[in-house]
Amino acid sequence: MKKATKVVALLGATAALGALFGILYAPDKGTRTRRKLSRQYGNILHKMDNKINERKDQIEAFKERMQDQVDRLQDKIKRLS
């Protein structure tokens, strides 16, 4: 399993456990508990979105580096021809 997949899976499992314990041990009314769970869920989604965007940026940077290398190699081949 890749590291990014593990991070997403871990965040999802953490969210599920947090929600479960929040419901089981909630001293508050149902509406307040649901509001808290909704906020926690939103926070987790925000963190996951940030991780996904970080990965996208890393992939884009890698793609650009690889394209630069391809361009340099093509230039060398042209000069040798």
N, C-alpha and C. Protein backbone atom coordinates (compact mmCIF):
# COMPACT_ATOMS: atom_id res chain seq x y z
N MET A 1 0.84 -1.17 0.00
CA MET A 1 0.00 0.00 0.00
C MET A 1 0.89 1.24 0.00
N LYS A 2 0.56 2.19 -0.84
CA LYS A 2 1.38 3.40 -0.92
C LYS A 2 1.14 4.28 0.28
N LYS A 3 2.12 5.15 0.55
CA LYS A 3 2.06 6.00 1.73
C LYS A 3 0.83 6.90 1.72
N ALA A 4 0.49 7.49 0.59
CA ALA A 4 -0.66 8.38 0.51
C ALA A 4 -1.95 7.62 0.81
N THR A 5 -2.06 6.40 0.32
CA THR A 5 -3.23 5.58 0.58
C THR A 5 -3.33 5.25 2.06
N LYS A 6 -2.20 4.97 2.67
CA LYS A 6 -2.18 4.68 4.10
C LYS A 6 -2.64 5.89 4.91
N VAL A 7 -2.19 7.07 4.52
CA VAL A 7 -2.57 8.29 5.23
C VAL A 7 -4.08 8.51 5.13
N VAL A 8 -4.62 8.36 3.94
CA VAL A 8 -6.06 8.55 3.74
C VAL A 8 -6.84 7.50 4.53
N ALA A 9 -6.39 6.25 4.50
CA ALA A 9 -7.07 5.19 5.24
C ALA A 9 -7.00 5.44 6.74
N LEU A 10 -5.85 5.89 7.21
CA LEU A 10 -5.69 6.20 8.63
C LEU A 10 -6.60 7.34 9.05
N LEU A 11 -6.67 8.37 8.24
CA LEU A 11 -7.56 9.48 8.56
C LEU A 11 -9.02 9.04 8.59
N GLY A 12 -9.40 8.20 7.65
CA GLY A 12 -10.77 7.70 7.62
C GLY A 12 -11.10 6.85 8.85
N ALA A 13 -10.17 5.98 9.21
CA ALA A 13 -10.38 5.13 10.39
C ALA A 13 -10.43 5.97 11.66
N THR A 14 -9.58 6.98 11.74
CA THR A 14 -9.57 7.86 12.89
C THR A 14 -10.90 8.62 12.99
N ALA A 15 -11.40 9.06 11.87
CA ALA A 15 -12.68 9.77 11.85
C ALA A 15 -13.80 8.86 12.33
N ALA A 16 -13.80 7.63 11.86
CA ALA A 16 -14.85 6.69 12.25
C ALA A 16 -14.79 6.39 13.75
N LEU A 17 -13.59 6.16 14.26
CA LEU A 17 -13.44 5.90 15.70
C LEU A 17 -13.84 7.11 16.52
N GLY A 18 -13.43 8.28 16.10
CA GLY A 18 -13.80 9.50 16.81
C GLY A 18 -15.30 9.70 16.84
N ALA A 19 -15.95 9.44 15.72
CA ALA A 19 -17.40 9.57 15.66
C ALA A 19 -18.07 8.55 16.58
N LEU A 20 -17.58 7.34 16.57
CA LEU A 20 -18.15 6.29 17.40
C LEU A 20 -18.05 6.64 18.88
N PHE A 21 -16.87 7.01 19.32
CA PHE A 21 -16.69 7.38 20.72
C PHE A 21 -17.47 8.65 21.07
N GLY A 22 -17.55 9.55 20.14
CA GLY A 22 -18.32 10.77 20.37
C GLY A 22 -19.78 10.46 20.62
N ILE A 23 -20.31 9.52 19.86
CA ILE A 23 -21.72 9.15 20.03
C ILE A 23 -21.92 8.34 21.31
N LEU A 24 -21.02 7.41 21.57
CA LEU A 24 -21.18 6.55 22.74
C LEU A 24 -21.05 7.29 24.07
N TYR A 25 -20.16 8.23 24.13
CA TYR A 25 -19.88 8.90 25.39
C TYR A 25 -20.34 10.36 25.40
N ALA A 26 -21.26 10.69 24.57
CA ALA A 26 -21.72 12.07 24.46
C ALA A 26 -22.61 12.45 25.64
N PRO A 27 -22.17 13.43 26.43
CA PRO A 27 -23.01 13.88 27.54
C PRO A 27 -24.01 14.95 27.07
N ASP A 28 -23.88 15.38 25.84
CA ASP A 28 -24.71 16.46 25.33
C ASP A 28 -25.98 15.93 24.66
N LYS A 29 -26.86 16.86 24.31
CA LYS A 29 -28.06 16.52 23.55
C LYS A 29 -27.65 16.03 22.16
N GLY A 30 -28.58 15.36 21.51
CA GLY A 30 -28.31 14.82 20.18
C GLY A 30 -27.94 15.90 19.17
N THR A 31 -28.64 17.04 19.21
CA THR A 31 -28.34 18.09 18.24
C THR A 31 -26.94 18.64 18.43
N ARG A 32 -26.55 18.80 19.66
CA ARG A 32 -25.21 19.33 19.94
C ARG A 32 -24.15 18.31 19.54
N THR A 33 -24.42 17.03 19.83
CA THR A 33 -23.48 15.97 19.46
C THR A 33 -23.33 15.90 17.95
N ARG A 34 -24.46 15.98 17.24
CA ARG A 34 -24.38 15.95 15.77
C ARG A 34 -23.60 17.14 15.23
N ARG A 35 -23.76 18.28 15.84
CA ARG A 35 -23.02 19.48 15.41
C ARG A 35 -21.52 19.28 15.61
N LYS A 36 -21.15 18.71 16.77
CA LYS A 36 -19.73 18.44 17.04
C LYS A 36 -19.16 17.44 16.03
N LEU A 37 -19.92 16.36 15.78
CA LEU A 37 -19.46 15.36 14.83
C LEU A 37 -19.33 15.95 13.43
N SER A 38 -20.25 16.80 13.08
CA SER A 38 -20.20 17.45 11.78
C SER A 38 -18.94 18.31 11.65
N ARG A 39 -18.62 19.04 12.70
CA ARG A 39 -17.40 19.86 12.68
C ARG A 39 -16.15 18.99 12.56
N GLN A 40 -16.12 17.91 13.34
CA GLN A 40 -14.97 17.01 13.29
C GLN A 40 -14.83 16.41 11.89
N TYR A 41 -15.94 16.00 11.33
CA TYR A 41 -15.93 15.44 9.98
C TYR A 41 -15.43 16.47 8.98
N GLY A 42 -15.89 17.71 9.12
CA GLY A 42 -15.43 18.78 8.24
C GLY A 42 -13.93 19.02 8.37
N ASN A 43 -13.43 18.98 9.60
CA ASN A 43 -11.99 19.16 9.82
C ASN A 43 -11.19 18.05 9.16
N ILE A 44 -11.67 16.83 9.29
CA ILE A 44 -10.97 15.70 8.68
C ILE A 44 -10.98 15.82 7.16
N LEU A 45 -12.13 16.18 6.60
CA LEU A 45 -12.20 16.37 5.15
C LEU A 45 -11.23 17.45 4.69
N HIS A 46 -11.14 18.53 5.47
CA HIS A 46 -10.22 19.62 5.13
C HIS A 46 -8.77 19.12 5.14
N LYS A 47 -8.41 18.35 6.15
CA LYS A 47 -7.05 17.81 6.22
C LYS A 47 -6.76 16.87 5.05
N MET A 48 -7.75 16.03 4.73
CA MET A 48 -7.56 15.11 3.61
C MET A 48 -7.42 15.88 2.30
N ASP A 49 -8.21 16.92 2.13
CA ASP A 49 -8.13 17.75 0.94
C ASP A 49 -6.75 18.39 0.82
N ASN A 50 -6.22 18.86 1.94
CA ASN A 50 -4.88 19.44 1.94
C ASN A 50 -3.83 18.42 1.53
N LYS A 51 -3.95 17.19 2.06
CA LYS A 51 -2.99 16.14 1.70
C LYS A 51 -3.07 15.81 0.22
N ILE A 52 -4.29 15.74 -0.30
CA ILE A 52 -4.47 15.45 -1.73
C ILE A 52 -3.85 16.55 -2.57
N ASN A 53 -4.06 17.79 -2.19
CA ASN A 53 -3.49 18.91 -2.94
C ASN A 53 -1.97 18.91 -2.87
N GLU A 54 -1.41 18.54 -1.70
CA GLU A 54 0.04 18.42 -1.59
C GLU A 54 0.57 17.37 -2.56
N ARG A 55 -0.11 16.23 -2.62
CA ARG A 55 0.30 15.16 -3.53
C ARG A 55 0.21 15.61 -4.98
N LYS A 56 -0.86 16.32 -5.32
CA LYS A 56 -1.01 16.83 -6.68
C LYS A 56 0.16 17.75 -7.03
N ASP A 57 0.52 18.62 -6.10
CA ASP A 57 1.65 19.53 -6.34
C ASP A 57 2.95 18.77 -6.52
N GLN A 58 3.15 17.74 -5.71
CA GLN A 58 4.36 16.93 -5.82
C GLN A 58 4.41 16.21 -7.17
N ILE A 59 3.28 15.68 -7.57
CA ILE A 59 3.23 14.99 -8.86
C ILE A 59 3.49 15.95 -10.01
N GLU A 60 2.91 17.13 -9.93
CA GLU A 60 3.13 18.14 -10.99
C GLU A 60 4.60 18.55 -11.06
N ALA A 61 5.22 18.74 -9.91
CA ALA A 61 6.65 19.10 -9.88
C ALA A 61 7.49 17.97 -10.48
N PHE A 62 7.16 16.73 -10.13
CA PHE A 62 7.88 15.59 -10.68
C PHE A 62 7.71 15.52 -12.20
N LYS A 63 6.49 15.74 -12.65
CA LYS A 63 6.21 15.73 -14.09
C LYS A 63 7.04 16.79 -14.81
N GLU A 64 7.13 17.98 -14.24
CA GLU A 64 7.93 19.05 -14.85
C GLU A 64 9.40 18.69 -14.90
N ARG A 65 9.91 18.10 -13.82
CA ARG A 65 11.32 17.69 -13.80
C ARG A 65 11.60 16.64 -14.88
N MET A 66 10.69 15.69 -15.00
CA MET A 66 10.86 14.64 -16.00
C MET A 66 10.79 15.23 -17.41
N GLN A 67 9.90 16.17 -17.63
CA GLN A 67 9.79 16.80 -18.95
C GLN A 67 11.07 17.57 -19.28
N ASP A 68 11.65 18.23 -18.29
CA ASP A 68 12.92 18.94 -18.50
C ASP A 68 14.02 17.96 -18.90
N GLN A 69 14.06 16.82 -18.24
CA GLN A 69 15.08 15.82 -18.58
C GLN A 69 14.86 15.28 -19.99
N VAL A 70 13.62 15.03 -20.35
CA VAL A 70 13.32 14.55 -21.70
C VAL A 70 13.76 15.58 -22.73
N ASP A 71 13.44 16.85 -22.47
CA ASP A 71 13.83 17.92 -23.39
C ASP A 71 15.35 17.99 -23.55
N ARG A 72 16.08 17.89 -22.44
CA ARG A 72 17.55 17.93 -22.51
C ARG A 72 18.09 16.74 -23.30
N LEU A 73 17.53 15.57 -23.08
CA LEU A 73 17.99 14.40 -23.82
C LEU A 73 17.69 14.52 -25.32
N GLN A 74 16.53 15.07 -25.64
CA GLN A 74 16.19 15.27 -27.05
C GLN A 74 17.16 16.26 -27.70
N ASP A 75 17.53 17.30 -26.98
CA ASP A 75 18.51 18.26 -27.49
C ASP A 75 19.86 17.59 -27.75
N LYS A 76 20.29 16.75 -26.81
CA LYS A 76 21.56 16.05 -26.99
C LYS A 76 21.51 15.11 -28.19
N ILE A 77 20.41 14.43 -28.36
CA ILE A 77 20.27 13.53 -29.52
C ILE A 77 20.33 14.32 -30.82
N LYS A 78 19.68 15.46 -30.86
CA LYS A 78 19.70 16.29 -32.07
C LYS A 78 21.11 16.76 -32.39
N ARG A 79 21.86 17.13 -31.33
CA ARG A 79 23.23 17.61 -31.56
C ARG A 79 24.14 16.49 -32.05
N LEU A 80 23.87 15.27 -31.60
CA LEU A 80 24.69 14.14 -32.01
C LEU A 80 24.35 13.66 -33.43
N SER A 81 23.17 13.97 -33.89
CA SER A 81 22.74 13.50 -35.22
C SER A 81 23.38 14.28 -36.33
